[in-house]
Protein backbone atom coordinates (compact mmCIF):
# COMPACT_ATOMS: atom_id res chain seq x y z
CA MET A 1 78.91 -132.58 14.00
CA THR A 2 81.32 -130.82 16.47
CA LEU A 3 84.87 -130.65 15.75
CA VAL A 4 87.21 -130.65 18.71
CA VAL A 5 90.31 -128.78 17.71
CA ASP A 6 92.81 -127.41 20.73
CA SER A 7 92.77 -124.16 19.88
CA PRO A 8 89.51 -122.60 18.21
CA GLN A 9 91.47 -119.53 16.67
CA LEU A 10 93.09 -122.19 14.51
CA LEU A 11 89.44 -123.54 13.90
CA ALA A 12 88.33 -120.30 13.01
CA VAL A 13 91.17 -119.46 10.25
CA GLY A 14 91.70 -123.39 9.22
CA THR A 15 87.72 -122.71 8.26
CA ALA A 16 88.06 -119.00 6.16
CA LEU A 17 90.99 -121.48 4.25
CA ALA A 18 89.14 -124.31 3.47
CA THR A 19 86.23 -122.30 2.23
CA LEU A 20 88.29 -120.48 -0.04
CA PRO A 21 87.44 -122.32 -3.04
CA VAL A 22 84.16 -120.48 -2.57
CA LEU A 23 86.15 -116.83 -3.19
CA LEU A 24 87.51 -118.45 -5.83
CA GLY A 25 84.19 -120.60 -7.84
CA THR A 26 81.61 -117.40 -6.79
CA HIS A 27 84.81 -115.04 -8.64
CA ALA A 28 84.82 -117.35 -11.40
CA ALA A 29 81.26 -118.09 -12.17
CA LEU A 30 80.16 -113.80 -12.07
CA ARG A 31 83.97 -112.65 -14.04
CA GLY A 32 82.71 -109.72 -16.15
CA ARG A 33 79.98 -108.83 -14.17
CA ALA A 34 79.99 -105.76 -11.63
CA GLY A 35 80.38 -106.38 -7.81
CA ALA A 36 81.91 -109.79 -9.24
CA LEU A 37 84.93 -109.32 -6.70
CA VAL A 38 82.41 -108.25 -3.87
CA SER A 39 79.80 -110.70 -4.64
CA ALA A 40 82.49 -113.15 -4.33
CA ALA A 41 83.73 -111.99 -0.64
CA VAL A 42 80.00 -112.36 0.76
CA ALA A 43 79.32 -115.56 -0.22
CA HIS A 44 82.93 -116.45 0.79
CA ALA A 45 81.95 -114.84 4.38
CA VAL A 46 78.93 -116.71 4.20
CA ALA A 47 80.24 -119.85 3.91
CA TRP A 48 82.69 -119.12 6.42
CA LEU A 49 80.28 -118.38 8.83
CA VAL A 50 78.06 -121.57 7.77
CA ALA A 51 80.85 -123.74 8.63
CA CYS A 52 81.91 -122.05 11.53
CA ARG A 53 78.94 -122.71 13.63
CA ALA A 54 78.44 -125.95 11.99
CA LEU A 55 82.20 -127.78 12.94
CA ALA A 56 82.41 -125.39 16.17
CA ASP A 57 80.66 -124.90 19.97
CA GLY A 58 81.18 -121.69 21.51
CA LEU A 59 83.70 -119.70 19.43
CA GLY A 60 84.65 -116.56 21.49
CA VAL A 61 85.01 -113.26 20.93
CA ALA A 62 88.94 -113.62 20.03
CA ASP A 63 87.86 -116.74 17.87
CA TRP A 64 85.53 -114.96 15.18
CA ALA A 65 88.12 -111.78 15.09
CA ALA A 66 91.19 -114.42 14.47
CA GLY A 67 89.10 -116.01 11.49
CA GLY A 68 87.73 -112.90 10.57
CA ALA A 69 90.91 -111.39 10.41
CA PHE A 70 92.71 -114.03 8.35
CA LEU A 71 89.41 -114.17 5.95
CA LEU A 72 90.25 -110.39 5.33
CA THR A 73 93.82 -111.08 4.44
CA LEU A 74 92.06 -113.57 1.85
CA TRP A 75 90.49 -111.64 0.23
CA LEU A 76 92.57 -108.39 -0.10
CA GLY A 77 95.29 -111.29 -1.21
CA TRP A 78 92.49 -112.49 -4.25
CA PHE A 79 91.55 -108.88 -4.99
CA GLN A 80 95.54 -107.90 -5.61
CA ILE A 81 96.57 -111.24 -7.80
CA VAL A 82 92.41 -109.67 -9.84
CA SER A 83 93.93 -106.87 -10.00
CA VAL A 84 97.64 -107.19 -10.87
CA LEU A 85 96.98 -110.05 -13.58
CA GLY A 86 93.53 -108.58 -15.54
CA ARG A 87 95.00 -104.79 -15.57
CA GLY A 88 98.66 -105.66 -15.62
CA PHE A 89 99.50 -104.19 -19.20
CA SER A 90 103.38 -105.25 -19.33
CA LEU A 91 101.93 -108.78 -18.04
CA GLN A 92 98.98 -108.87 -20.17
CA LEU A 93 102.08 -107.62 -23.46
CA LEU A 94 104.20 -110.55 -22.18
CA VAL A 95 101.64 -113.27 -22.22
CA GLU A 96 100.45 -112.48 -25.88
CA ILE A 97 104.25 -112.45 -26.85
CA GLU A 98 104.50 -115.97 -24.97
CA THR A 99 103.63 -118.35 -28.06
CA GLU A 100 105.17 -116.24 -30.36
CA PRO A 101 106.66 -112.66 -31.70
CA ARG A 102 104.36 -110.41 -32.30
CA SER A 103 104.58 -106.66 -34.30
CA LEU A 104 104.08 -103.69 -32.01
CA PRO A 105 100.64 -102.73 -34.61
CA ALA A 106 99.74 -106.54 -34.39
CA LEU A 107 100.23 -106.21 -30.03
CA ILE A 108 98.30 -103.02 -30.46
CA ALA A 109 95.70 -104.45 -31.86
CA GLY A 110 94.91 -107.26 -30.09
CA TYR A 111 94.97 -105.98 -26.61
CA ALA A 112 92.40 -106.72 -24.79
CA GLY A 113 90.71 -109.26 -26.74
CA GLY A 114 90.61 -107.21 -29.80
CA ARG A 115 89.75 -104.14 -28.41
CA GLY A 116 92.83 -102.53 -28.30
CA VAL A 117 95.05 -99.91 -27.01
CA ASP A 118 91.93 -97.56 -27.32
CA TRP A 119 89.74 -99.08 -25.93
CA MET A 120 91.58 -99.87 -22.86
CA LEU A 121 92.76 -95.96 -22.53
CA GLU A 122 89.08 -95.25 -23.48
CA LYS A 123 87.77 -96.96 -20.00
CA ARG A 124 90.40 -95.75 -18.10
CA VAL A 125 89.21 -92.05 -18.98
CA ARG A 126 85.25 -93.27 -17.90
CA GLY A 127 86.76 -94.03 -15.18
CA LEU A 128 87.89 -91.42 -13.87
CA GLU A 129 84.97 -89.57 -14.96
CA HIS A 130 82.52 -91.61 -13.01
CA PHE A 131 84.44 -91.28 -10.06
CA ARG A 132 84.40 -87.26 -10.89
CA LEU A 133 88.54 -87.39 -10.50
CA ALA A 134 88.52 -85.84 -14.81
CA GLN A 135 86.61 -84.19 -16.87
CA ARG A 136 86.71 -84.08 -20.62
CA LEU A 137 87.70 -80.91 -22.86
CA ALA A 138 85.18 -79.11 -24.65
CA GLY A 139 84.72 -80.77 -28.14
CA GLY A 140 85.86 -84.28 -26.02
CA GLU A 141 88.90 -84.41 -27.86
CA GLY A 142 90.97 -84.08 -23.88
CA LEU A 143 90.75 -84.31 -20.27
CA GLN A 144 91.35 -82.26 -17.17
CA ALA A 145 91.61 -83.10 -13.60
CA THR A 146 88.78 -81.84 -11.54
CA ALA A 147 89.02 -80.90 -8.00
CA ARG A 148 88.96 -83.75 -6.57
CA GLY A 149 91.50 -85.49 -9.23
CA LEU A 150 94.02 -82.79 -8.32
CA THR A 151 93.96 -83.71 -4.69
CA LEU A 152 94.69 -87.65 -5.09
CA ALA A 153 96.79 -86.37 -7.98
CA ARG A 154 98.99 -84.18 -5.68
CA VAL A 155 99.13 -86.94 -2.62
CA ALA A 156 99.65 -89.86 -5.65
CA ARG A 157 102.78 -87.62 -6.21
CA ILE A 158 103.81 -87.86 -3.05
CA TYR A 159 103.41 -91.82 -2.67
CA LYS A 160 105.34 -92.23 -5.79
CA THR A 161 107.90 -89.98 -5.15
CA MET A 162 108.73 -91.61 -1.82
CA ALA A 163 108.19 -95.12 -3.73
CA GLY A 164 110.86 -93.85 -5.64
CA ILE A 165 108.45 -95.07 -9.21
CA GLY A 166 108.41 -92.99 -11.91
CA ALA A 167 106.60 -91.29 -14.94
CA GLY A 168 104.41 -94.29 -16.26
CA GLY A 169 104.73 -96.53 -13.14
């Protein structure tokens, strides 16, 4: 079946939007697994390519580029939404008190499905260690930046200063 559209670029962009449920559905199905976001993006790209090939004859380089750019925009937007919703500590606290007030100890103990704030901190520390940005001090009771971590920290401090973001933000 060939779809007749006046603008092949519009077709390529529209197909990227029409196949967006593949990204969302795949990510939901793989939630909690390593590489879920990347796998969902790959599935979305494949669906988009198949749909474009099936619906249009002779898309040019500019058409593919326009659709691909929009596809990338959709991915980045979704990744940002997932990041804010999944990692936003303040937002999660707000969700926790949506239905009823809770004490601070109850919020701390119940954070992340009962894993608590200590779990969140440990997860972040493991991430820093994994990317060799920090290492634990002898005895494991502290943390220090590696050379790579110091470089990133200096760059981050410059950006935070430029953006007017203070400590903790």
